[in-house]
Structure formats: C-alpha cells, structure tokens
Amino acid sequence: MGFKCGIVGLPNVGKSTLFNALTETQAAQAANYPFCTIEPNVGQVAVPDPRLNELAKIAGSQKIIETQLAFVDIAGLVRGASKGEGLGNQFLGNIREVDAIVHVLRCFENDDIQHVDNRVDPIADAETVETELLLADLESLERRVPAFQKKATSGDKEAKSAAAVLGQALDLLREGKPARLTVPNDDDQARIFAQAQLLTSKPVLYVCNVDEGSAASGNAFSARVFEKAAADGAQAVVVSAAIESELVGMDADERMMFLEEMGLHETGLARVVRAGYELLHLLTFFTVGPKEARAWTVHNGATAPEAAGVIHSDFQKGFIRAETVAYADYVALGGEARAREAGKLRAEGKAYVVQDGDVMHFLHS
C-alpha cells in the first residue's frame, strides 16, 4: 500500500502544474484560468527509495518494484465552497476520499499569472481553503451531535461515545480550530471519529510553490508558511513546480546534473513523499529475491502479520513467522545468506513490530 494525497489549493497557484510534474504526465490540463481541472485526475507515482536499488543489486533481482503513491488533483476551490459555490460540493466530496491533504500555496510573484484575489499571500490562501473545510464540518456536526446526545440519554453506548468525541470536535470547530486536534479517549471513540470523515481531520502538508531562484532555500513567503505549519501541527516543504516540470523527460544523470546546478540534492517528489510519510506515520519494508526486489508500505507500529497482510490477506491469516534482516545488516553482510551465517537474520513472531528498512520473508500455512 501507499497513500492517497489530494492536491488542493485556490485556482492558479500551480497545483495542476505540480501534479503534471510529479506524476510525469499531462493528465491535468494546466491553464491560466479557474476550474481547468473539473474531474479529479489521479496519478500513481513510484515512491523513490535508493535502498531498493541497493538491495536488488546485492540479490541480483531481475525486477524492481517500488511502492506506489497516489496523487489526486482536485478542482480549485473558491470562497463559498461549503455552501456549494463554484465546484464546492464536488471539491469537498473528493477531499473526503483521501488520506491526506497536499495544500499547494503560491509563494511566488508573477504578473503574467492571475491570482483570484489579485495578491500573493499564502497564509490568506491557506485560511480561505481551511475556512471552507471548517464551515462544512461545522454544519455537519451541528446536525449530528444533538441527535447523538439525545440518543445517548436512553443509554445507547455507541451514541454516548459518538456524542463525546464528536462533541469535542464540534467545540474545536466553533473555536475556529481543525477537528484533527480532537483526542479520542478509547478505541471506540477513535473508530467513530475516523468514520465521521471530517474534512479538517485530514493531516495537511503545505507545499510552498516558489520561483526557481528560491527552490533551494525558500523565500519570505515560504518562511511564513513554515511558521504556520509548526503552529498547526502540519508539515511543509518547498517545491518549484517550474523546476519539476523541467525535470520531466530527463534521464537520471541529466536530472542530477540539473538539480546540482539549481543547488538542489533531490527532486520535489522526493521531498513531498518523505514529508508525507512522516505526516501519516508510514514506513517501508522490503521483500528481496532473484525474481524481484519490492518495497511495501505499512503504518508505523504495524506487526509482522499486518505487514504480511499487505502482500496477501492469506499470508496474514496463516502467518507462522517472519525471517527478518535489518537493511543495514543486509547491505553490510552482502545478502541474506551471510546475514544468516552472522546471526543477523531473526525469526520474529506475531508480536514483532516492523521497523523501517526491514528485509522480510514470511512463512505461512
């Protein structure tokens, strides 16, 4: 599994240009007018991980299969979306289907590209989108919470949990704070909160779209966004959509040369992926053999049987044990056989918690 990120933002901030570059397609038309993206375009992206190439080289794998990340380019939002203005209803509905929000903010000046409010202010842009999400959640919970509270008085346990956790979220929304600051008291409340699919419960990654000259170190606009992210418990990265567009079509050597000339060490995709993994508390484990070397994604804290289930549900049901080698040991010792000889290959049971970089082989009935 990977994760599904919805790319959002006001019209003309560069989100469709960024989507095209990140997915190396022209699936989303990038144009200098609002609503050029009407249906949400979805692009599957291979997650870059140099460790996978190293493992494949050691094992002599014939094929390399990266884990996948899905980007969804969602139509631009305008004020009043929570009331159905513009493409509001569709915009809000699409956001409910993603794991995280990648919020593209314009952090560059260019008189040739029109801004809907005729100014460059990434914080105001962020607040415009967030206000619409908050208003939509507020309207939803102001209908639902009283119903749960009424039902809870009859002794309904589920309604009592729902009234408590969603009531807490409603209080936060009324204070102008996102629902993701809600802290469920137990597993039942956590489940109910997740099922509510509140828009402001989604984790947020701010992508500061800067000019080419600011791609390495950011600028005054992006500095303000990083301050906001720190205050909101979100993540932020600096990306130049213009540079990412130029990288499309280059081979690996050309890309590295171009990035070095721009004072960069990695692509914007790599930065977005790393920040997204941290935001969603994800990690990578590997399966390696002569046929293929493959990367897999699980949530931090996943057990060995849960990791096996990512490969195939039958592996989880019939899980016996996992033979595991840490990535560093696998590379240092030159493969599984020598790791086994050195005592670095471990037999782990059902309680084992997967670590980032584990090279795993599952035994199952």
Protein backbone atom coordinates (compact mmCIF):
# COMPACT_ATOMS: atom_id res chain seq x y z
CA MET A 1 0.00 0.00 0.00
CA GLY A 2 0.98 3.61 -0.37
CA PHE A 3 -1.20 6.54 0.50
CA LYS A 4 -3.59 8.79 -1.36
CA CYS A 5 -2.99 12.53 -1.26
CA GLY A 6 -5.46 15.10 -2.53
CA ILE A 7 -3.74 18.13 -4.08
CA VAL A 8 -5.82 21.20 -3.24
CA GLY A 9 -5.46 24.94 -3.48
CA LEU A 10 -7.00 28.08 -4.87
CA PRO A 11 -7.14 28.42 -8.66
CA ASN A 12 -3.85 29.39 -10.35
CA VAL A 13 -1.48 28.56 -7.50
CA GLY A 14 0.28 25.92 -9.62
CA LYS A 15 -1.32 22.75 -8.27
CA SER A 16 -2.16 21.21 -11.65
CA THR A 17 1.29 22.12 -12.97
CA LEU A 18 2.75 20.41 -9.90
CA PHE A 19 0.51 17.37 -10.39
CA ASN A 20 1.65 17.06 -14.02
CA ALA A 21 5.28 17.27 -12.99
CA LEU A 22 5.05 14.90 -10.03
CA THR A 23 3.21 12.24 -11.99
CA GLU A 24 5.23 12.96 -15.17
CA THR A 25 2.02 13.16 -17.18
CA GLN A 26 -0.10 15.83 -18.78
CA ALA A 27 -3.27 14.27 -17.36
CA ALA A 28 -4.33 17.53 -15.74
CA GLN A 29 -4.60 20.49 -18.06
CA ALA A 30 -2.68 23.43 -16.59
CA ALA A 31 -4.25 26.70 -17.73
CA ASN A 32 -4.34 30.29 -16.54
CA TYR A 33 -7.99 30.35 -15.52
CA PRO A 34 -10.09 28.86 -12.68
CA PHE A 35 -11.60 25.36 -12.82
CA CYS A 36 -9.32 24.00 -15.56
CA THR A 37 -9.41 20.79 -13.54
CA ILE A 38 -13.03 19.65 -13.25
CA GLU A 39 -12.85 15.89 -12.74
CA PRO A 40 -10.24 14.80 -10.19
CA ASN A 41 -7.23 13.38 -12.05
CA VAL A 42 -5.44 10.52 -10.30
CA GLY A 43 -1.78 9.72 -10.88
CA GLN A 44 0.12 6.74 -9.49
CA VAL A 45 3.73 7.59 -8.65
CA ALA A 46 6.57 5.23 -7.80
CA VAL A 47 8.00 6.22 -4.41
CA PRO A 48 11.74 6.91 -4.80
CA ASP A 49 13.87 4.86 -2.38
CA PRO A 50 17.59 4.31 -3.18
CA ARG A 51 17.70 1.42 -0.71
CA LEU A 52 15.62 -0.68 -3.10
CA ASN A 53 18.22 -0.40 -5.88
CA GLU A 54 20.98 -1.43 -3.48
CA LEU A 55 19.05 -4.48 -2.33
CA ALA A 56 18.29 -5.51 -5.89
CA LYS A 57 21.94 -5.24 -6.85
CA ILE A 58 23.05 -7.47 -3.95
CA ALA A 59 20.34 -10.07 -4.58
CA GLY A 60 20.66 -9.99 -8.38
CA SER A 61 16.92 -9.26 -8.66
CA GLN A 62 15.57 -9.27 -12.21
CA LYS A 63 12.89 -6.69 -11.43
CA ILE A 64 12.49 -3.70 -9.07
CA ILE A 65 9.00 -2.79 -7.89
CA GLU A 66 8.57 0.42 -5.89
CA THR A 67 5.68 1.10 -3.58
CA GLN A 68 3.06 3.41 -5.06
CA LEU A 69 1.78 6.82 -4.04
CA ALA A 70 -1.47 8.20 -5.47
CA PHE A 71 -1.91 11.92 -6.15
CA VAL A 72 -5.42 13.22 -6.79
CA ASP A 73 -5.62 16.62 -8.48
CA ILE A 74 -8.80 18.18 -7.08
CA ALA A 75 -10.64 21.12 -8.66
CA GLY A 76 -9.72 24.59 -7.42
CA LEU A 77 -11.75 25.99 -4.54
CA VAL A 78 -13.32 29.43 -4.09
CA ARG A 79 -14.99 31.15 -1.16
CA GLY A 80 -18.44 29.75 -0.51
CA ALA A 81 -17.50 26.17 -1.41
CA SER A 82 -19.05 24.94 1.83
CA LYS A 83 -22.35 26.35 0.51
CA GLY A 84 -21.87 24.84 -2.94
CA GLU A 85 -20.30 27.86 -4.65
CA GLY A 86 -18.14 27.15 -7.71
CA LEU A 87 -17.38 23.44 -7.68
CA GLY A 88 -17.70 23.35 -3.91
CA ASN A 89 -19.77 20.21 -3.35
CA GLN A 90 -17.58 18.18 -5.68
CA PHE A 91 -14.40 19.62 -4.12
CA LEU A 92 -15.49 18.74 -0.59
CA GLY A 93 -16.65 15.27 -1.62
CA ASN A 94 -13.32 14.48 -3.27
CA ILE A 95 -11.37 15.50 -0.16
CA ARG A 96 -13.29 13.00 1.96
CA GLU A 97 -11.80 10.16 -0.10
CA VAL A 98 -8.10 10.95 0.50
CA ASP A 99 -5.74 10.10 3.37
CA ALA A 100 -4.01 13.48 3.50
CA ILE A 101 -4.31 16.95 2.01
CA VAL A 102 -1.42 18.35 0.00
CA HIS A 103 -2.19 22.06 0.08
CA VAL A 104 -0.33 23.95 -2.66
CA LEU A 105 0.29 27.59 -1.80
CA ARG A 106 1.52 30.25 -4.18
CA CYS A 107 4.80 31.61 -2.87
CA PHE A 108 6.00 33.42 -5.98
CA GLU A 109 5.24 36.68 -7.77
CA ASN A 110 4.41 36.67 -11.47
CA ASP A 111 2.30 39.38 -13.09
CA ASP A 112 1.51 37.06 -16.00
CA ILE A 113 -0.36 34.59 -13.80
CA GLN A 114 -3.62 35.92 -12.38
CA HIS A 115 -4.47 35.30 -8.71
CA VAL A 116 -8.17 35.11 -7.86
CA ASP A 117 -7.69 37.84 -5.23
CA ASN A 118 -5.05 39.80 -7.17
CA ARG A 119 -2.40 39.40 -4.48
CA VAL A 120 0.25 36.96 -3.28
CA ASP A 121 -0.47 35.94 0.31
CA PRO A 122 -0.05 32.22 1.00
CA ILE A 123 -1.35 32.48 4.56
CA ALA A 124 -4.57 34.14 3.43
CA ASP A 125 -4.89 31.49 0.69
CA ALA A 126 -4.48 28.72 3.25
CA GLU A 127 -7.07 30.28 5.53
CA THR A 128 -9.56 30.61 2.66
CA VAL A 129 -9.45 26.88 1.96
CA GLU A 130 -9.34 25.89 5.62
CA THR A 131 -12.30 28.11 6.46
CA GLU A 132 -14.44 26.38 3.84
CA LEU A 133 -13.46 22.95 5.18
CA LEU A 134 -14.17 24.08 8.73
CA LEU A 135 -17.58 25.52 7.81
CA ALA A 136 -18.55 22.27 6.06
CA ASP A 137 -17.55 20.21 9.12
CA LEU A 138 -19.32 22.64 11.46
CA GLU A 139 -22.57 22.38 9.53
CA SER A 140 -22.32 18.59 9.54
CA LEU A 141 -21.66 18.21 13.26
CA GLU A 142 -24.22 20.79 14.33
CA ARG A 143 -26.81 18.45 12.82
CA ARG A 144 -25.34 15.17 14.04
CA VAL A 145 -24.11 15.85 17.59
CA PRO A 146 -27.51 16.85 19.08
CA ALA A 147 -29.01 13.66 17.64
CA PHE A 148 -26.30 11.55 19.29
CA GLN A 149 -26.70 13.43 22.57
CA LYS A 150 -30.44 12.77 22.57
CA LYS A 151 -29.93 9.08 21.80
CA ALA A 152 -27.23 8.80 24.50
CA THR A 153 -29.75 9.73 27.21
CA SER A 154 -31.51 6.41 26.56
CA GLY A 155 -28.33 4.54 27.49
CA ASP A 156 -27.10 3.77 23.97
CA LYS A 157 -23.37 3.11 24.41
CA GLU A 158 -22.42 3.84 20.78
CA ALA A 159 -24.34 7.12 20.80
CA LYS A 160 -22.69 8.11 24.08
CA SER A 161 -19.20 7.60 22.60
CA ALA A 162 -20.19 9.46 19.43
CA ALA A 163 -21.64 12.37 21.39
CA ALA A 164 -18.45 12.65 23.44
CA VAL A 165 -15.84 12.52 20.68
CA LEU A 166 -17.80 14.41 18.02
CA GLY A 167 -18.92 16.92 20.64
CA GLN A 168 -15.25 17.58 21.37
CA ALA A 169 -14.63 18.08 17.65
CA LEU A 170 -17.60 20.45 17.41
CA ASP A 171 -16.23 22.57 20.27
CA LEU A 172 -12.90 22.86 18.45
CA LEU A 173 -14.59 23.86 15.20
CA ARG A 174 -16.61 26.54 16.97
CA GLU A 175 -13.30 27.95 18.23
CA GLY A 176 -12.00 28.03 14.66
CA LYS A 177 -9.68 25.04 15.18
CA PRO A 178 -9.45 21.91 12.97
CA ALA A 179 -11.09 18.66 14.06
CA ARG A 180 -7.75 16.82 13.84
CA LEU A 181 -6.89 18.29 17.26
CA THR A 182 -9.59 16.02 18.75
CA VAL A 183 -8.20 13.38 21.14
CA PRO A 184 -10.40 10.24 21.37
CA ASN A 185 -10.42 8.58 24.80
CA ASP A 186 -10.50 4.97 23.61
CA ASP A 187 -10.60 2.71 20.54
CA ASP A 188 -14.38 3.06 20.14
CA GLN A 189 -14.13 6.84 20.02
CA ALA A 190 -11.19 6.63 17.61
CA ARG A 191 -13.23 4.41 15.28
CA ILE A 192 -16.27 6.71 15.43
CA PHE A 193 -14.12 9.77 14.81
CA ALA A 194 -12.48 8.16 11.77
CA GLN A 195 -15.86 7.07 10.37
CA ALA A 196 -17.12 10.66 10.60
CA GLN A 197 -14.76 11.57 7.72
CA LEU A 198 -14.43 15.16 8.84
CA LEU A 199 -12.59 17.30 6.31
CA THR A 200 -10.49 19.09 8.92
CA SER A 201 -9.45 15.78 10.48
CA LYS A 202 -7.16 15.11 7.49
CA PRO A 203 -3.43 15.67 8.09
CA VAL A 204 -2.08 18.55 6.00
CA LEU A 205 1.13 19.00 4.05
CA TYR A 206 1.71 22.56 2.81
CA VAL A 207 3.64 22.69 -0.47
CA CYS A 208 5.20 26.11 -0.98
CA ASN A 209 5.37 26.64 -4.74
CA VAL A 210 8.29 29.03 -5.16
CA ASP A 211 10.14 30.55 -8.10
CA GLU A 212 13.20 28.73 -9.46
CA GLY A 213 15.65 31.00 -7.66
CA SER A 214 14.08 30.17 -4.27
CA ALA A 215 13.87 26.40 -4.74
CA ALA A 216 16.93 25.60 -2.63
CA SER A 217 16.29 27.74 0.44
CA GLY A 218 12.78 29.16 0.12
CA ASN A 219 11.78 32.81 0.43
CA ALA A 220 9.90 35.19 2.72
CA PHE A 221 6.54 33.76 1.61
CA SER A 222 7.51 30.14 2.35
CA ALA A 223 9.03 31.13 5.70
CA ARG A 224 5.59 32.32 6.84
CA VAL A 225 4.05 29.03 5.71
CA PHE A 226 6.58 27.02 7.72
CA GLU A 227 5.69 29.09 10.79
CA LYS A 228 2.01 28.34 10.25
CA ALA A 229 2.69 24.62 9.75
CA ALA A 230 4.63 24.44 13.01
CA ALA A 231 1.79 26.17 14.86
CA ASP A 232 -0.88 23.91 13.30
CA GLY A 233 0.91 20.59 13.75
CA ALA A 234 1.24 20.23 9.97
CA GLN A 235 4.20 19.68 7.62
CA ALA A 236 5.62 21.98 4.95
CA VAL A 237 8.04 21.61 2.03
CA VAL A 238 9.44 23.96 -0.59
CA VAL A 239 8.98 22.93 -4.23
CA SER A 240 9.33 24.78 -7.51
CA ALA A 241 6.70 23.45 -9.90
CA ALA A 242 8.60 25.14 -12.72
CA ILE A 243 11.75 23.13 -11.94
CA GLU A 244 9.80 19.89 -11.51
CA SER A 245 8.27 20.48 -14.96
CA GLU A 246 11.74 20.86 -16.48
CA LEU A 247 12.83 17.54 -14.96
CA VAL A 248 10.13 15.63 -16.84
CA GLY A 249 11.70 13.65 -19.68
CA MET A 250 15.28 13.86 -18.37
CA ASP A 251 17.19 10.67 -17.60
CA ALA A 252 18.71 10.09 -14.15
CA ASP A 253 22.11 11.62 -14.95
CA GLU A 254 20.59 14.69 -16.57
CA ARG A 255 18.31 15.18 -13.58
CA MET A 256 21.15 15.03 -11.07
CA MET A 257 23.23 17.49 -13.11
CA PHE A 258 20.31 19.90 -13.45
CA LEU A 259 19.43 19.66 -9.74
CA GLU A 260 23.04 20.37 -8.75
CA GLU A 261 23.06 23.45 -10.98
CA MET A 262 19.95 24.66 -9.13
CA GLY A 263 21.55 23.98 -5.74
CA LEU A 264 19.26 21.00 -5.04
CA HIS A 265 20.09 17.46 -3.93
CA GLU A 266 16.77 15.76 -4.67
CA THR A 267 13.54 16.23 -6.61
CA GLY A 268 10.42 17.87 -5.25
CA LEU A 269 8.70 14.49 -5.43
CA ALA A 270 11.25 13.02 -3.02
CA ARG A 271 10.67 15.87 -0.56
CA VAL A 272 6.88 15.57 -0.83
CA VAL A 273 7.00 11.80 -0.31
CA ARG A 274 9.30 11.98 2.69
CA ALA A 275 7.18 14.68 4.34
CA GLY A 276 4.02 12.71 3.54
CA TYR A 277 5.40 9.53 5.08
CA GLU A 278 6.29 11.43 8.23
CA LEU A 279 2.88 13.11 8.29
CA LEU A 280 1.00 9.80 8.00
CA HIS A 281 3.43 7.83 10.18
CA LEU A 282 4.33 5.37 7.41
CA LEU A 283 7.38 3.19 6.96
CA THR A 284 8.82 0.88 4.30
CA PHE A 285 9.82 -2.78 4.44
CA PHE A 286 11.27 -4.89 1.63
CA THR A 287 10.98 -8.36 0.13
CA VAL A 288 14.03 -9.40 -1.89
CA GLY A 289 14.80 -12.36 -4.14
CA PRO A 290 16.25 -13.31 -7.52
CA LYS A 291 12.97 -12.56 -9.32
CA GLU A 292 12.23 -9.17 -7.76
CA ALA A 293 13.10 -6.65 -5.09
CA ARG A 294 9.98 -4.92 -3.84
CA ALA A 295 9.11 -2.12 -1.42
CA TRP A 296 5.96 -2.19 0.71
CA THR A 297 4.39 0.45 2.94
CA VAL A 298 2.79 -0.03 6.37
CA HIS A 299 1.79 2.26 9.18
CA ASN A 300 4.30 2.80 11.96
CA GLY A 301 3.53 0.26 14.67
CA ALA A 302 2.35 -2.46 12.27
CA THR A 303 3.03 -6.02 13.39
CA ALA A 304 4.64 -8.73 11.27
CA PRO A 305 1.26 -10.39 10.45
CA GLU A 306 -0.15 -7.00 9.38
CA ALA A 307 2.84 -6.48 7.10
CA ALA A 308 2.29 -9.95 5.65
CA GLY A 309 -1.33 -8.99 5.00
CA VAL A 310 -0.23 -6.07 2.84
CA ILE A 311 1.28 -8.63 0.45
CA HIS A 312 -1.70 -11.03 0.58
CA SER A 313 -4.54 -11.48 3.06
CA ASP A 314 -3.84 -15.23 3.19
CA PHE A 315 -0.32 -14.51 4.45
CA GLN A 316 -1.79 -12.71 7.46
CA LYS A 317 -4.41 -15.38 8.16
CA GLY A 318 -1.89 -18.22 8.05
CA PHE A 319 1.09 -16.30 9.49
CA ILE A 320 3.69 -18.52 11.20
CA ARG A 321 6.76 -16.30 11.48
CA ALA A 322 8.82 -13.68 9.66
CA GLU A 323 12.51 -14.05 8.85
CA THR A 324 13.87 -10.53 9.18
CA VAL A 325 17.15 -8.76 8.45
CA ALA A 326 17.72 -5.04 9.06
CA TYR A 327 18.59 -3.15 5.88
CA ALA A 328 21.99 -2.04 7.20
CA ASP A 329 22.93 -5.63 8.10
CA TYR A 330 21.73 -6.98 4.75
CA VAL A 331 23.90 -4.47 2.86
CA ALA A 332 26.94 -4.70 5.14
CA LEU A 333 26.99 -8.51 5.01
CA GLY A 334 26.16 -8.80 1.32
CA GLY A 335 22.81 -10.56 1.43
CA GLU A 336 20.53 -12.96 3.27
CA ALA A 337 22.85 -16.00 3.34
CA ARG A 338 25.72 -14.17 5.02
CA ALA A 339 23.32 -12.38 7.34
CA ARG A 340 22.02 -15.78 8.44
CA GLU A 341 25.58 -17.05 9.00
CA ALA A 342 26.40 -13.95 11.08
CA GLY A 343 23.30 -14.39 13.23
CA LYS A 344 21.69 -11.20 11.92
CA LEU A 345 18.66 -12.96 10.42
CA ARG A 346 15.98 -13.14 13.10
CA ALA A 347 12.86 -15.29 13.37
CA GLU A 348 10.10 -12.96 14.54
CA GLY A 349 6.60 -13.91 15.72
CA LYS A 350 3.18 -12.31 15.70
CA ALA A 351 4.07 -9.62 18.23
CA TYR A 352 7.02 -8.25 16.26
CA VAL A 353 6.67 -4.58 15.28
CA VAL A 354 8.05 -3.87 11.81
CA GLN A 355 10.95 -1.42 11.59
CA ASP A 356 11.68 0.88 8.65
CA GLY A 357 14.04 -0.86 6.23
CA ASP A 358 13.37 -4.43 7.40
CA VAL A 359 14.03 -7.06 4.73
CA MET A 360 11.39 -9.71 5.40
CA HIS A 361 10.42 -13.20 4.29
CA PHE A 362 7.10 -14.55 5.57
CA LEU A 363 6.33 -18.18 6.38
CA HIS A 364 2.65 -19.06 6.41
CA SER A 365 0.40 -22.07 6.39
